[in-house]
């Protein structure tokens, strides 16, 4: 993965490489940026990597799956097997606050949070959950 700075100025495009990371390899998902760290599931791994977005330096591990930011400091992580977990968005440690089976079958899709409604889907089914959003 590379972080690039792309600029258009005076009718010209320029591209500058900011950093390259061999550890951050998103697998069927994008990454989530929170507090200067990128969180993503890595290619075919059981864990996810984090990288510092400014430098590309690699950090700790978090939960595997397609993640999306839920609230400041928290991630909703939907695994390839359909397990949904709420984890702290911390680059150096994994802290799961809770989990449950959200959907059956193989999943490679992002969960979507719209207000207090969480939507998950795969090629066979979909589910919606109303979340009680409160301070943790």
N, C-alpha and C. Protein backbone atom coordinates (compact mmCIF):
# COMPACT_ATOMS: atom_id res chain seq x y z
N UNK A 1 0.84 -1.16 0.00
CA UNK A 1 0.00 0.00 0.00
C UNK A 1 0.89 1.23 0.00
N UNK A 2 0.44 2.23 -0.73
CA UNK A 2 1.19 3.49 -0.76
C UNK A 2 0.25 4.65 -0.46
N UNK A 3 0.78 5.65 0.20
CA UNK A 3 0.06 6.90 0.38
C UNK A 3 0.66 7.90 -0.60
N UNK A 4 -0.20 8.47 -1.43
CA UNK A 4 0.23 9.43 -2.44
C UNK A 4 -0.40 10.78 -2.19
N UNK A 5 0.31 11.82 -2.54
CA UNK A 5 -0.24 13.18 -2.53
C UNK A 5 -0.39 13.58 -4.00
N UNK A 6 -1.64 13.73 -4.45
CA UNK A 6 -1.92 14.10 -5.83
C UNK A 6 -2.41 15.53 -5.84
N UNK A 7 -1.77 16.35 -6.67
CA UNK A 7 -2.15 17.77 -6.73
C UNK A 7 -2.34 18.21 -8.18
N UNK A 8 -3.26 19.13 -8.36
CA UNK A 8 -3.46 19.76 -9.66
C UNK A 8 -3.27 21.25 -9.46
N UNK A 9 -2.23 21.77 -10.10
CA UNK A 9 -1.89 23.18 -9.92
C UNK A 9 -1.33 23.73 -11.23
N UNK A 10 -1.82 24.87 -11.61
CA UNK A 10 -1.35 25.55 -12.82
C UNK A 10 -1.48 24.67 -14.06
N UNK A 11 -2.58 23.90 -14.12
CA UNK A 11 -2.84 23.05 -15.29
C UNK A 11 -2.02 21.78 -15.35
N UNK A 12 -1.29 21.44 -14.27
CA UNK A 12 -0.45 20.24 -14.24
C UNK A 12 -0.80 19.36 -13.04
N UNK A 13 -0.68 18.07 -13.24
CA UNK A 13 -0.85 17.12 -12.15
C UNK A 13 0.52 16.69 -11.65
N UNK A 14 0.65 16.61 -10.33
CA UNK A 14 1.88 16.07 -9.74
C UNK A 14 1.49 14.98 -8.73
N UNK A 15 2.34 13.98 -8.62
CA UNK A 15 2.13 12.89 -7.68
C UNK A 15 3.40 12.72 -6.87
N UNK A 16 3.23 12.73 -5.56
CA UNK A 16 4.37 12.56 -4.65
C UNK A 16 4.06 11.40 -3.71
N UNK A 17 4.99 10.45 -3.62
CA UNK A 17 4.80 9.33 -2.71
C UNK A 17 5.15 9.78 -1.30
N UNK A 18 4.21 9.58 -0.36
CA UNK A 18 4.44 9.93 1.05
C UNK A 18 5.06 8.78 1.82
N UNK A 19 4.52 7.55 1.61
CA UNK A 19 5.08 6.37 2.25
C UNK A 19 4.58 5.11 1.57
N UNK A 20 5.28 4.01 1.84
CA UNK A 20 4.90 2.68 1.37
C UNK A 20 4.88 1.75 2.57
N UNK A 21 3.87 0.90 2.65
CA UNK A 21 3.78 -0.08 3.73
C UNK A 21 3.59 -1.46 3.13
N UNK A 22 4.43 -2.40 3.51
CA UNK A 22 4.25 -3.78 3.07
C UNK A 22 3.32 -4.55 4.01
N UNK A 23 3.04 -3.99 5.19
CA UNK A 23 2.19 -4.66 6.17
C UNK A 23 0.71 -4.39 6.01
N UNK A 24 0.35 -3.28 5.43
CA UNK A 24 -1.07 -2.92 5.30
C UNK A 24 -1.53 -3.29 3.90
N UNK A 25 -2.28 -4.39 3.81
CA UNK A 25 -2.77 -4.90 2.52
C UNK A 25 -4.26 -5.19 2.66
N UNK A 26 -5.13 -4.21 2.44
CA UNK A 26 -6.56 -4.46 2.59
C UNK A 26 -7.03 -5.62 1.70
N UNK A 27 -7.90 -6.45 2.26
CA UNK A 27 -8.42 -7.63 1.59
C UNK A 27 -9.93 -7.50 1.49
N UNK A 28 -10.46 -7.27 0.31
CA UNK A 28 -11.88 -7.10 0.05
C UNK A 28 -12.51 -5.98 0.87
N UNK A 29 -11.73 -5.03 1.29
CA UNK A 29 -12.28 -3.90 2.03
C UNK A 29 -11.32 -2.73 1.95
N UNK A 30 -11.82 -1.59 2.29
CA UNK A 30 -10.98 -0.41 2.39
C UNK A 30 -10.53 -0.31 3.84
N UNK A 31 -9.76 0.73 4.14
CA UNK A 31 -9.37 0.92 5.52
C UNK A 31 -10.10 2.11 6.11
N UNK A 32 -10.12 2.15 7.42
CA UNK A 32 -10.74 3.23 8.17
C UNK A 32 -9.62 4.04 8.79
N UNK A 33 -9.67 5.36 8.65
CA UNK A 33 -8.68 6.23 9.26
C UNK A 33 -9.30 6.87 10.49
N UNK A 34 -8.61 6.71 11.62
CA UNK A 34 -9.08 7.28 12.89
C UNK A 34 -7.88 7.71 13.70
N UNK A 35 -7.86 8.96 14.12
CA UNK A 35 -6.77 9.51 14.94
C UNK A 35 -5.39 9.25 14.34
N UNK A 36 -5.26 9.42 13.04
CA UNK A 36 -3.97 9.29 12.39
C UNK A 36 -3.52 7.86 12.13
N UNK A 37 -4.39 6.87 12.35
CA UNK A 37 -4.06 5.48 12.09
C UNK A 37 -5.05 4.91 11.09
N UNK A 38 -4.56 4.06 10.20
CA UNK A 38 -5.41 3.35 9.25
C UNK A 38 -5.62 1.94 9.76
N UNK A 39 -6.87 1.51 9.86
CA UNK A 39 -7.22 0.17 10.32
C UNK A 39 -7.78 -0.59 9.13
N UNK A 40 -7.27 -1.82 8.89
CA UNK A 40 -7.76 -2.61 7.75
C UNK A 40 -7.46 -4.07 7.97
N UNK A 41 -8.31 -4.92 7.40
CA UNK A 41 -8.01 -6.34 7.36
C UNK A 41 -6.94 -6.56 6.33
N UNK A 42 -5.97 -7.38 6.67
CA UNK A 42 -4.89 -7.64 5.74
C UNK A 42 -5.23 -8.86 4.89
N UNK A 43 -4.54 -8.99 3.79
CA UNK A 43 -4.80 -10.07 2.84
C UNK A 43 -4.74 -11.44 3.50
N UNK A 44 -5.89 -12.10 3.54
CA UNK A 44 -6.02 -13.47 4.00
C UNK A 44 -5.43 -13.72 5.39
N UNK A 45 -5.44 -12.74 6.25
CA UNK A 45 -4.93 -12.96 7.60
C UNK A 45 -6.08 -13.10 8.58
N UNK A 46 -5.78 -13.55 9.76
CA UNK A 46 -6.81 -13.66 10.79
C UNK A 46 -6.88 -12.41 11.64
N UNK A 47 -6.01 -11.46 11.40
CA UNK A 47 -5.98 -10.22 12.15
C UNK A 47 -5.91 -9.06 11.16
N UNK A 48 -6.01 -7.87 11.66
CA UNK A 48 -5.92 -6.69 10.80
C UNK A 48 -4.74 -5.83 11.22
N UNK A 49 -4.19 -5.12 10.28
CA UNK A 49 -3.05 -4.25 10.57
C UNK A 49 -3.48 -2.82 10.77
N UNK A 50 -2.65 -2.07 11.45
CA UNK A 50 -2.84 -0.62 11.51
C UNK A 50 -1.54 0.03 11.08
N UNK A 51 -1.67 1.15 10.44
CA UNK A 51 -0.50 1.94 10.04
C UNK A 51 -0.74 3.39 10.39
N UNK A 52 0.32 4.09 10.71
CA UNK A 52 0.28 5.52 10.96
C UNK A 52 0.09 6.20 9.61
N UNK A 53 -0.94 7.00 9.43
CA UNK A 53 -1.22 7.58 8.11
C UNK A 53 -0.20 8.63 7.71
N UNK A 54 0.44 9.28 8.68
CA UNK A 54 1.43 10.30 8.33
C UNK A 54 2.74 9.67 7.84
N UNK A 55 3.15 8.56 8.47
CA UNK A 55 4.47 8.01 8.18
C UNK A 55 4.43 6.65 7.50
N UNK A 56 3.32 5.94 7.63
CA UNK A 56 3.24 4.59 7.08
C UNK A 56 3.85 3.54 7.99
N UNK A 57 4.31 3.94 9.19
CA UNK A 57 4.89 2.97 10.11
C UNK A 57 3.80 2.03 10.61
N UNK A 58 4.15 0.75 10.72
CA UNK A 58 3.15 -0.24 11.09
C UNK A 58 2.98 -0.32 12.59
N UNK A 59 1.72 -0.54 12.99
CA UNK A 59 1.40 -0.62 14.40
C UNK A 59 0.93 -2.00 14.79
N UNK A 60 0.02 -2.07 15.74
CA UNK A 60 -0.46 -3.33 16.29
C UNK A 60 -1.48 -4.02 15.43
N UNK A 61 -2.24 -4.87 16.04
CA UNK A 61 -3.24 -5.66 15.35
C UNK A 61 -4.61 -5.38 15.96
N UNK A 62 -5.62 -5.45 15.11
CA UNK A 62 -7.00 -5.33 15.59
C UNK A 62 -7.79 -6.50 15.03
N UNK A 63 -9.10 -6.45 15.09
CA UNK A 63 -9.93 -7.57 14.65
C UNK A 63 -9.93 -7.72 13.14
N UNK A 64 -10.13 -8.94 12.67
CA UNK A 64 -10.21 -9.19 11.24
C UNK A 64 -11.61 -8.90 10.73
N UNK A 65 -11.71 -8.46 9.50
CA UNK A 65 -13.00 -8.24 8.88
C UNK A 65 -13.08 -6.91 8.18
N UNK A 66 -14.25 -6.64 7.65
CA UNK A 66 -14.51 -5.36 6.99
C UNK A 66 -14.96 -4.39 8.05
N UNK A 67 -14.19 -3.38 8.31
CA UNK A 67 -14.53 -2.48 9.41
C UNK A 67 -15.10 -1.18 8.93
N UNK A 68 -15.85 -0.53 9.79
CA UNK A 68 -16.30 0.82 9.53
C UNK A 68 -16.31 1.55 10.86
N UNK A 69 -16.05 2.82 10.83
CA UNK A 69 -16.01 3.59 12.06
C UNK A 69 -17.42 3.71 12.62
N UNK A 70 -17.57 3.53 13.87
CA UNK A 70 -18.88 3.60 14.51
C UNK A 70 -19.04 4.92 15.24
N UNK A 71 -18.18 5.18 16.15
CA UNK A 71 -18.15 6.41 16.93
C UNK A 71 -16.69 6.72 17.20
N UNK A 72 -16.38 7.92 17.61
CA UNK A 72 -14.97 8.21 17.89
C UNK A 72 -14.38 7.19 18.87
N UNK A 73 -13.29 6.58 18.47
CA UNK A 73 -12.61 5.61 19.31
C UNK A 73 -13.11 4.19 19.20
N UNK A 74 -14.12 3.94 18.38
CA UNK A 74 -14.70 2.60 18.25
C UNK A 74 -14.81 2.19 16.79
N UNK A 75 -14.71 0.90 16.55
CA UNK A 75 -14.91 0.35 15.22
C UNK A 75 -15.94 -0.76 15.28
N UNK A 76 -16.81 -0.82 14.29
CA UNK A 76 -17.65 -1.98 14.07
C UNK A 76 -16.92 -2.82 13.05
N UNK A 77 -16.70 -4.09 13.36
CA UNK A 77 -15.94 -4.97 12.49
C UNK A 77 -16.79 -6.18 12.15
N UNK A 78 -17.06 -6.37 10.86
CA UNK A 78 -17.83 -7.50 10.39
C UNK A 78 -16.87 -8.49 9.75
N UNK A 79 -16.78 -9.69 10.32
CA UNK A 79 -15.82 -10.68 9.82
C UNK A 79 -16.31 -11.33 8.54
N UNK A 80 -15.42 -12.03 7.88
CA UNK A 80 -15.76 -12.74 6.65
C UNK A 80 -16.81 -13.83 6.93
N UNK A 81 -16.88 -14.31 8.17
CA UNK A 81 -17.85 -15.33 8.56
C UNK A 81 -19.16 -14.73 9.07
N UNK A 82 -19.31 -13.40 9.08
CA UNK A 82 -20.56 -12.76 9.48
C UNK A 82 -20.66 -12.40 10.94
N UNK A 83 -19.56 -12.52 11.69
CA UNK A 83 -19.53 -12.15 13.10
C UNK A 83 -19.29 -10.64 13.19
N UNK A 84 -20.11 -9.94 13.95
CA UNK A 84 -19.96 -8.51 14.13
C UNK A 84 -19.38 -8.23 15.50
N UNK A 85 -18.35 -7.40 15.56
CA UNK A 85 -17.70 -7.07 16.83
C UNK A 85 -17.56 -5.56 16.97
N UNK A 86 -17.68 -5.10 18.18
CA UNK A 86 -17.40 -3.70 18.52
C UNK A 86 -16.05 -3.71 19.22
N UNK A 87 -15.08 -2.99 18.65
CA UNK A 87 -13.72 -2.97 19.21
C UNK A 87 -13.24 -1.54 19.37
N UNK A 88 -12.34 -1.35 20.28
CA UNK A 88 -11.72 -0.04 20.45
C UNK A 88 -10.79 0.22 19.27
N UNK A 89 -10.77 1.44 18.77
CA UNK A 89 -9.88 1.82 17.68
C UNK A 89 -8.55 2.23 18.26
N UNK A 90 -7.78 1.24 18.70
CA UNK A 90 -6.47 1.46 19.31
C UNK A 90 -5.43 0.74 18.48
N UNK A 91 -4.38 1.42 18.05
CA UNK A 91 -3.41 0.80 17.15
C UNK A 91 -2.51 -0.24 17.80
N UNK A 92 -2.34 -0.21 19.11
CA UNK A 92 -1.36 -1.08 19.74
C UNK A 92 -1.96 -2.25 20.53
N UNK A 93 -3.29 -2.29 20.65
CA UNK A 93 -3.90 -3.38 21.40
C UNK A 93 -5.28 -3.68 20.86
N UNK A 94 -5.71 -4.92 21.06
CA UNK A 94 -7.03 -5.35 20.64
C UNK A 94 -7.92 -5.44 21.87
N UNK A 95 -9.00 -4.65 21.89
CA UNK A 95 -9.96 -4.70 22.98
C UNK A 95 -11.34 -4.84 22.37
N UNK A 96 -11.89 -6.05 22.47
CA UNK A 96 -13.24 -6.30 21.98
C UNK A 96 -14.23 -5.99 23.09
N UNK A 97 -15.23 -5.17 22.78
CA UNK A 97 -16.23 -4.79 23.77
C UNK A 97 -17.48 -5.66 23.69
N UNK A 98 -17.63 -6.39 22.61
CA UNK A 98 -18.77 -7.29 22.43
C UNK A 98 -18.83 -7.80 21.01
N UNK A 99 -19.54 -8.92 20.81
CA UNK A 99 -19.72 -9.46 19.47
C UNK A 99 -20.96 -10.33 19.41
N UNK A 100 -21.45 -10.57 18.18
CA UNK A 100 -22.57 -11.48 17.97
C UNK A 100 -22.60 -11.90 16.50
N UNK A 101 -23.22 -13.06 16.20
CA UNK A 101 -23.35 -13.48 14.80
C UNK A 101 -24.42 -12.62 14.12
N UNK A 102 -24.02 -11.85 13.13
CA UNK A 102 -24.93 -10.90 12.48
C UNK A 102 -25.56 -11.45 11.21
N UNK A 103 -24.82 -12.29 10.49
CA UNK A 103 -25.29 -12.78 9.19
C UNK A 103 -24.59 -14.10 8.90
N UNK A 104 -25.28 -15.01 8.18
CA UNK A 104 -24.70 -16.32 7.85
C UNK A 104 -24.09 -16.29 6.47
N UNK A 105 -23.12 -17.14 6.24
CA UNK A 105 -22.49 -17.23 4.93
C UNK A 105 -21.29 -16.31 4.82
N UNK A 106 -20.57 -16.46 3.72
CA UNK A 106 -19.36 -15.67 3.51
C UNK A 106 -19.71 -14.21 3.26
N UNK A 107 -18.96 -13.32 3.93
CA UNK A 107 -19.20 -11.89 3.81
C UNK A 107 -17.92 -11.19 3.39
N UNK A 108 -18.03 -10.33 2.38
CA UNK A 108 -16.90 -9.48 1.99
C UNK A 108 -17.37 -8.04 1.83
N UNK A 109 -18.53 -7.72 2.39
CA UNK A 109 -19.11 -6.39 2.27
C UNK A 109 -18.91 -5.56 3.53
N UNK A 110 -18.91 -4.26 3.35
CA UNK A 110 -18.82 -3.34 4.47
C UNK A 110 -20.13 -3.31 5.24
N UNK A 111 -20.07 -3.25 6.58
CA UNK A 111 -21.28 -2.89 7.32
C UNK A 111 -21.53 -1.40 7.10
N UNK A 112 -22.78 -0.99 7.19
CA UNK A 112 -23.14 0.41 7.00
C UNK A 112 -23.89 0.88 8.24
N UNK A 113 -23.47 1.99 8.80
CA UNK A 113 -24.14 2.58 9.95
C UNK A 113 -24.74 3.91 9.52
N UNK A 114 -26.07 4.00 9.60
CA UNK A 114 -26.80 5.22 9.26
C UNK A 114 -27.62 5.61 10.47
N UNK A 115 -27.13 6.61 11.21
CA UNK A 115 -27.78 6.97 12.47
C UNK A 115 -27.62 5.81 13.44
N UNK A 116 -28.75 5.26 13.91
CA UNK A 116 -28.68 4.12 14.82
C UNK A 116 -29.01 2.80 14.12
N UNK A 117 -29.06 2.80 12.79
CA UNK A 117 -29.40 1.61 12.01
C UNK A 117 -28.13 1.02 11.39
N UNK A 118 -27.84 -0.23 11.73
CA UNK A 118 -26.70 -0.95 11.18
C UNK A 118 -27.19 -1.94 10.14
N UNK A 119 -26.63 -1.87 8.93
CA UNK A 119 -27.01 -2.75 7.83
C UNK A 119 -25.83 -3.63 7.46
N UNK A 120 -26.09 -4.94 7.29
CA UNK A 120 -25.08 -5.88 6.84
C UNK A 120 -25.70 -6.74 5.75
N UNK A 121 -24.86 -7.20 4.81
CA UNK A 121 -25.37 -8.06 3.75
C UNK A 121 -24.25 -8.91 3.18
N UNK A 122 -24.64 -9.97 2.51
CA UNK A 122 -23.73 -10.77 1.70
C UNK A 122 -24.48 -11.18 0.44
N UNK A 123 -24.01 -12.18 -0.29
CA UNK A 123 -24.65 -12.57 -1.54
C UNK A 123 -25.98 -13.28 -1.37
N UNK A 124 -26.31 -13.75 -0.15
CA UNK A 124 -27.54 -14.50 0.08
C UNK A 124 -28.57 -13.79 0.96
N UNK A 125 -28.13 -12.97 1.88
CA UNK A 125 -29.07 -12.36 2.81
C UNK A 125 -28.59 -11.00 3.28
N UNK A 126 -29.49 -10.31 3.95
CA UNK A 126 -29.14 -9.03 4.56
C UNK A 126 -29.86 -8.94 5.89
N UNK A 127 -29.36 -8.06 6.76
CA UNK A 127 -29.97 -7.86 8.07
C UNK A 127 -29.81 -6.41 8.49
N UNK A 128 -30.76 -5.96 9.30
CA UNK A 128 -30.71 -4.60 9.84
C UNK A 128 -30.85 -4.70 11.35
N UNK A 129 -30.06 -3.90 12.06
CA UNK A 129 -30.07 -3.87 13.51
C UNK A 129 -30.20 -2.43 13.98
N UNK A 130 -31.11 -2.18 14.91
CA UNK A 130 -31.22 -0.86 15.52
C UNK A 130 -30.35 -0.88 16.76
N UNK A 131 -29.37 0.03 16.81
CA UNK A 131 -28.41 0.06 17.91
C UNK A 131 -28.80 1.11 18.95
N UNK A 132 -28.56 0.79 20.18
CA UNK A 132 -28.74 1.74 21.26
C UNK A 132 -27.42 2.51 21.38
N UNK A 133 -27.35 3.67 20.77
CA UNK A 133 -26.12 4.44 20.79
C UNK A 133 -26.05 5.24 22.08
N UNK A 134 -25.06 4.93 22.89
CA UNK A 134 -24.88 5.60 24.17
C UNK A 134 -23.41 5.75 24.44
N UNK A 135 -23.07 6.51 25.45
CA UNK A 135 -21.66 6.67 25.80
C UNK A 135 -21.14 5.39 26.40
N UNK A 136 -19.91 5.03 25.99
CA UNK A 136 -19.26 3.84 26.56
C UNK A 136 -18.21 4.27 27.56
